[in-house]
Amino acid sequence: MKTFTISSLPDTSASMDVFLREAEYEFVNHRSRPCVLVIPGGGYRFVAPREGEPVALAFVRAGYQACVLHYSVRTTDDAPILGDTPLREAGAAIRYIRDHATEWGIDPNKITVCGGSAGGHLAGSIGVFGSNPTRVPGAEDGKCQPNAMVLCYPVISSGCKAHSDSFGNLSGHWDVCPERDPWSLEKHISETTCPAFIWAPVLDACVPVENSLLMATAMQEKGILYELHLYSKGWHGICLADGEVGAPVPEVATWFPMCLNWLNGIGVGPGY
């Protein structure tokens, strides 16, 4: 495996770690692999390591190429409000992956984003707005839009079930108000939204499970393909739910193989 870091994505302050399976003669059927862009959470305040490299390596073991996005966050109370900066960085990362697809052994039509918590919000944001040039400059050519998204206990809604800090760091408003609506994903589902695999623990004490339900309901109403799994066990940030992240809950760990099966089923996985 080859690993390296893109220290600065074009026209952004974001960086990206890259994990590539190298093409060998034994892998003749996998010269061009699907790719997952992993987007860790952290409330738009930090980028959580437990939701980055461990998830990327799990996808690598499953036959994917993988990248981890280190996007702009608001680390202190006096730092500037983020606005659409993380969204534009996610779009730049997907474009960069597609621009280097041949070099990196990636199928440019099999790009998935995977994020947990606020990383799930950012993954969902690029899945919703990735074709919208008013939110993601240059997006009209389709190169910023993922083919699928995996949303793990995601932040979705800016309403009464919001994770307020995430929307505050994006909008500058910590109370429910119309100014937060541009980042409330369930309000913006359209025919260009990509398919989603969504899962969450029902007892999540940080991001209410209603966020996942609102996303699934909005996708159902618009006829967008999705799969939703809710778990009676687990907690916020449980990630892979295995020993790698110090949270071995076998019942919840089933999300990952089910996700792999779903990605294969919609044609964006490696096929095995």
Protein backbone atom coordinates (compact mmCIF):
# COMPACT_ATOMS: atom_id res chain seq x y z
CA MET A 1 0.00 0.00 0.00
CA LYS A 2 1.14 3.52 -0.80
CA THR A 3 0.33 6.37 1.61
CA PHE A 4 1.00 10.08 1.29
CA THR A 5 -0.53 13.46 2.12
CA ILE A 6 -1.72 16.22 -0.18
CA SER A 7 -0.71 19.13 2.03
CA SER A 8 -2.90 21.71 0.32
CA LEU A 9 -5.84 21.03 -1.96
CA PRO A 10 -6.10 23.62 -4.76
CA ASP A 11 -7.55 26.97 -3.67
CA THR A 12 -8.26 25.74 -0.13
CA SER A 13 -6.64 25.41 3.29
CA ALA A 14 -7.59 21.73 3.46
CA SER A 15 -5.28 18.72 3.27
CA MET A 16 -5.94 15.08 2.46
CA ASP A 17 -4.30 11.80 3.47
CA VAL A 18 -4.28 9.20 0.68
CA PHE A 19 -4.22 5.39 1.08
CA LEU A 20 -3.76 3.48 -2.17
CA ARG A 21 -3.72 -0.22 -2.92
CA GLU A 22 -1.06 -0.72 -5.58
CA ALA A 23 -1.87 -2.60 -8.78
CA GLU A 24 -0.15 -5.98 -8.98
CA TYR A 25 -0.56 -8.72 -11.52
CA GLU A 26 -2.58 -10.80 -9.01
CA PHE A 27 -5.20 -8.03 -8.93
CA VAL A 28 -5.91 -7.86 -12.65
CA ASN A 29 -9.63 -7.32 -12.01
CA HIS A 30 -8.96 -4.36 -9.74
CA ARG A 31 -6.66 -2.02 -11.62
CA SER A 32 -9.32 0.64 -11.14
CA ARG A 33 -10.87 0.57 -7.68
CA PRO A 34 -13.69 2.51 -6.06
CA CYS A 35 -12.65 5.24 -3.64
CA VAL A 36 -14.05 6.46 -0.33
CA LEU A 37 -13.40 9.98 0.92
CA VAL A 38 -13.60 9.74 4.72
CA ILE A 39 -14.68 12.93 6.52
CA PRO A 40 -14.23 12.76 10.31
CA GLY A 41 -16.52 14.60 12.70
CA GLY A 42 -15.82 16.98 15.56
CA GLY A 43 -18.64 19.54 15.60
CA TYR A 44 -16.75 21.71 13.07
CA ARG A 45 -14.43 22.41 16.01
CA PHE A 46 -11.80 19.72 15.36
CA VAL A 47 -11.24 16.71 13.09
CA ALA A 48 -11.60 13.49 15.12
CA PRO A 49 -8.73 11.02 14.49
CA ARG A 50 -10.81 7.98 15.50
CA GLU A 51 -13.18 8.67 12.59
CA GLY A 52 -10.39 9.13 10.05
CA GLU A 53 -7.59 6.65 9.45
CA PRO A 54 -9.30 3.62 11.10
CA VAL A 55 -12.31 4.02 8.80
CA ALA A 56 -10.13 4.61 5.74
CA LEU A 57 -8.08 1.47 6.42
CA ALA A 58 -11.26 -0.58 6.90
CA PHE A 59 -12.36 0.45 3.41
CA VAL A 60 -8.87 -0.27 2.03
CA ARG A 61 -9.09 -3.81 3.43
CA ALA A 62 -12.45 -4.14 1.68
CA GLY A 63 -10.93 -3.34 -1.73
CA TYR A 64 -11.25 0.44 -1.93
CA GLN A 65 -8.79 3.24 -2.33
CA ALA A 66 -9.34 5.73 0.47
CA CYS A 67 -8.64 9.33 1.43
CA VAL A 68 -9.17 11.26 4.66
CA LEU A 69 -10.11 14.94 4.42
CA HIS A 70 -8.71 17.43 6.95
CA TYR A 71 -11.05 20.37 6.42
CA SER A 72 -11.26 23.81 7.97
CA VAL A 73 -12.69 23.97 11.49
CA ARG A 74 -13.36 26.73 13.98
CA THR A 75 -10.95 25.90 16.78
CA THR A 76 -11.63 28.88 19.06
CA ASP A 77 -14.59 31.09 19.91
CA ASP A 78 -12.97 34.12 18.30
CA ALA A 79 -12.17 32.36 15.02
CA PRO A 80 -14.14 33.35 11.89
CA ILE A 81 -17.44 31.64 11.18
CA LEU A 82 -16.93 28.86 8.62
CA GLY A 83 -19.86 29.35 6.25
CA ASP A 84 -19.49 27.15 3.16
CA THR A 85 -15.70 26.81 3.47
CA PRO A 86 -15.77 23.11 4.54
CA LEU A 87 -18.31 22.36 1.80
CA ARG A 88 -16.08 23.93 -0.85
CA GLU A 89 -13.12 21.95 0.51
CA ALA A 90 -15.05 18.69 0.26
CA GLY A 91 -15.88 19.54 -3.34
CA ALA A 92 -12.23 20.32 -4.04
CA ALA A 93 -11.21 16.97 -2.56
CA ILE A 94 -13.60 15.00 -4.77
CA ARG A 95 -12.47 16.96 -7.83
CA TYR A 96 -8.82 16.28 -6.94
CA ILE A 97 -9.51 12.56 -6.60
CA ARG A 98 -11.22 12.47 -9.99
CA ASP A 99 -8.43 14.50 -11.60
CA HIS A 100 -5.91 11.91 -10.32
CA ALA A 101 -8.11 8.85 -10.82
CA THR A 102 -5.99 7.22 -13.53
CA GLU A 103 -2.75 7.85 -11.65
CA TRP A 104 -4.19 6.54 -8.37
CA GLY A 105 -6.00 3.49 -9.79
CA ILE A 106 -9.48 4.86 -9.07
CA ASP A 107 -12.73 4.52 -10.99
CA PRO A 108 -13.96 8.16 -11.19
CA ASN A 109 -17.58 6.96 -11.33
CA LYS A 110 -17.30 5.15 -7.98
CA ILE A 111 -16.57 7.89 -5.45
CA THR A 112 -18.28 7.62 -2.05
CA VAL A 113 -18.10 10.05 0.88
CA CYS A 114 -18.30 8.67 4.42
CA GLY A 115 -18.62 10.82 7.52
CA GLY A 116 -19.68 10.64 11.15
CA SER A 117 -21.45 13.34 13.20
CA ALA A 118 -20.41 16.76 11.80
CA GLY A 119 -18.35 14.82 9.25
CA GLY A 120 -21.65 13.16 8.31
CA HIS A 121 -23.09 16.63 7.86
CA LEU A 122 -20.24 17.61 5.58
CA ALA A 123 -20.46 14.33 3.65
CA GLY A 124 -24.22 14.88 3.35
CA SER A 125 -23.68 18.50 2.32
CA ILE A 126 -21.50 17.58 -0.64
CA GLY A 127 -23.94 14.78 -1.50
CA VAL A 128 -26.76 17.34 -1.54
CA PHE A 129 -24.98 20.43 -2.93
CA GLY A 130 -22.18 18.83 -4.97
CA SER A 131 -23.83 19.81 -8.26
CA ASN A 132 -24.80 23.32 -7.14
CA PRO A 133 -22.31 25.96 -8.37
CA THR A 134 -23.81 28.62 -6.11
CA ARG A 135 -22.59 26.62 -3.10
CA VAL A 136 -19.60 24.81 -4.64
CA PRO A 137 -17.81 26.91 -7.28
CA GLY A 138 -17.24 25.00 -10.50
CA ALA A 139 -19.66 22.24 -9.54
CA GLU A 140 -21.63 22.55 -12.77
CA ASP A 141 -19.26 20.10 -14.50
CA GLY A 142 -20.27 17.30 -12.08
CA LYS A 143 -16.74 16.60 -10.82
CA CYS A 144 -17.52 17.64 -7.23
CA GLN A 145 -20.54 15.36 -6.80
CA PRO A 146 -20.02 11.98 -5.08
CA ASN A 147 -21.74 8.88 -6.39
CA ALA A 148 -22.90 7.80 -2.91
CA MET A 149 -22.71 8.86 0.72
CA VAL A 150 -22.42 6.96 3.99
CA LEU A 151 -23.77 8.99 6.92
CA CYS A 152 -22.88 7.74 10.40
CA TYR A 153 -24.95 9.24 13.27
CA PRO A 154 -25.00 12.41 11.15
CA VAL A 155 -25.78 16.01 12.00
CA ILE A 156 -28.53 16.90 9.53
CA SER A 157 -31.16 19.36 10.75
CA SER A 158 -30.70 22.90 12.02
CA GLY A 159 -34.13 22.82 13.68
CA CYS A 160 -35.21 21.81 17.18
CA LYS A 161 -33.23 18.54 17.02
CA ALA A 162 -30.03 20.25 15.91
CA HIS A 163 -26.52 19.79 17.21
CA SER A 164 -26.40 23.50 17.88
CA ASP A 165 -22.62 23.89 18.06
CA SER A 166 -22.14 22.49 14.55
CA PHE A 167 -24.59 24.97 13.04
CA GLY A 168 -23.26 27.78 15.18
CA ASN A 169 -19.76 27.24 13.85
CA LEU A 170 -21.11 27.28 10.29
CA SER A 171 -23.60 30.14 10.52
CA GLY A 172 -22.72 32.22 13.58
CA HIS A 173 -26.18 31.48 15.04
CA TRP A 174 -26.55 29.08 17.96
CA ASP A 175 -30.34 29.38 18.30
CA VAL A 176 -32.84 27.90 15.86
CA CYS A 177 -33.42 30.53 13.19
CA PRO A 178 -33.87 30.87 9.40
CA GLU A 179 -30.23 31.94 9.03
CA ARG A 180 -29.22 28.32 9.72
CA ASP A 181 -31.53 26.88 7.04
CA PRO A 182 -28.91 26.85 4.22
CA TRP A 183 -27.09 24.09 6.14
CA SER A 184 -30.18 22.10 7.15
CA LEU A 185 -29.84 19.22 4.71
CA GLU A 186 -33.35 17.79 4.88
CA LYS A 187 -34.62 21.08 3.43
CA HIS A 188 -32.52 20.78 0.27
CA ILE A 189 -32.90 17.21 -1.00
CA SER A 190 -33.39 17.22 -4.78
CA GLU A 191 -33.13 14.96 -7.80
CA THR A 192 -29.36 15.57 -7.86
CA THR A 193 -28.84 14.26 -4.31
CA CYS A 194 -26.80 11.05 -4.37
CA PRO A 195 -27.93 7.77 -2.71
CA ALA A 196 -27.26 7.41 1.02
CA PHE A 197 -26.56 4.69 3.56
CA ILE A 198 -27.54 6.11 6.96
CA TRP A 199 -27.15 4.63 10.43
CA ALA A 200 -27.36 5.85 14.02
CA PRO A 201 -27.76 4.68 17.63
CA VAL A 202 -31.26 5.55 18.84
CA LEU A 203 -29.93 6.59 22.26
CA ASP A 204 -27.37 9.06 20.86
CA ALA A 205 -27.14 11.74 23.54
CA CYS A 206 -25.23 14.22 21.36
CA VAL A 207 -26.93 14.20 17.95
CA PRO A 208 -30.57 13.11 18.25
CA VAL A 209 -31.55 10.14 16.09
CA GLU A 210 -34.27 12.34 14.58
CA ASN A 211 -31.56 13.83 12.37
CA SER A 212 -31.20 10.50 10.54
CA LEU A 213 -34.98 10.06 10.41
CA LEU A 214 -35.45 13.53 8.92
CA MET A 215 -32.85 12.81 6.23
CA ALA A 216 -34.41 9.47 5.35
CA THR A 217 -37.91 11.00 5.25
CA ALA A 218 -36.79 13.80 2.94
CA MET A 219 -35.07 11.33 0.62
CA GLN A 220 -38.16 9.12 0.63
CA GLU A 221 -40.33 12.07 -0.37
CA LYS A 222 -38.00 12.96 -3.26
CA GLY A 223 -37.58 9.37 -4.45
CA ILE A 224 -33.84 9.25 -3.74
CA LEU A 225 -32.36 5.82 -2.97
CA TYR A 226 -31.34 5.30 0.66
CA GLU A 227 -30.95 2.63 3.32
CA LEU A 228 -31.46 3.38 7.03
CA HIS A 229 -30.33 1.33 10.06
CA LEU A 230 -31.03 2.26 13.68
CA TYR A 231 -29.39 0.51 16.62
CA SER A 232 -30.74 0.05 20.13
CA LYS A 233 -27.17 -0.14 21.45
CA GLY A 234 -24.21 2.19 21.03
CA TRP A 235 -23.51 5.86 21.53
CA HIS A 236 -22.36 8.94 19.66
CA GLY A 237 -18.91 8.58 18.07
CA ILE A 238 -18.92 4.78 18.21
CA CYS A 239 -17.43 4.76 14.71
CA LEU A 240 -16.53 1.21 13.57
CA ALA A 241 -17.81 -0.18 16.90
CA ASP A 242 -14.84 -2.52 17.19
CA GLY A 243 -11.64 -2.86 19.17
CA GLU A 244 -9.73 -0.67 16.73
CA VAL A 245 -11.57 2.38 18.07
CA GLY A 246 -11.94 1.05 21.62
CA ALA A 247 -15.70 0.53 21.31
CA PRO A 248 -16.38 -3.19 20.68
CA VAL A 249 -20.15 -3.48 20.27
CA PRO A 250 -20.71 -6.36 17.80
CA GLU A 251 -24.36 -5.54 17.24
CA VAL A 252 -23.46 -2.05 16.01
CA ALA A 253 -20.37 -3.18 14.08
CA THR A 254 -22.74 -4.85 11.61
CA TRP A 255 -23.20 -1.45 9.96
CA PHE A 256 -19.91 -1.76 8.11
CA PRO A 257 -20.46 -5.08 6.26
CA MET A 258 -24.03 -4.00 5.50
CA CYS A 259 -22.66 -0.75 4.09
CA LEU A 260 -20.21 -2.67 1.90
CA ASN A 261 -23.04 -4.85 0.59
CA TRP A 262 -25.16 -1.78 -0.12
CA LEU A 263 -22.37 -0.01 -2.01
CA ASN A 264 -21.82 -3.14 -4.12
CA GLY A 265 -25.56 -3.37 -4.71
CA ILE A 266 -25.82 0.14 -6.15
CA GLY A 267 -22.75 -0.40 -8.33
CA VAL A 268 -20.15 1.77 -6.61
CA GLY A 269 -18.26 -0.94 -4.68
CA PRO A 270 -15.50 -3.29 -5.84
CA GLY A 271 -18.03 -6.05 -6.53
CA TYR A 272 -16.84 -8.61 -3.99
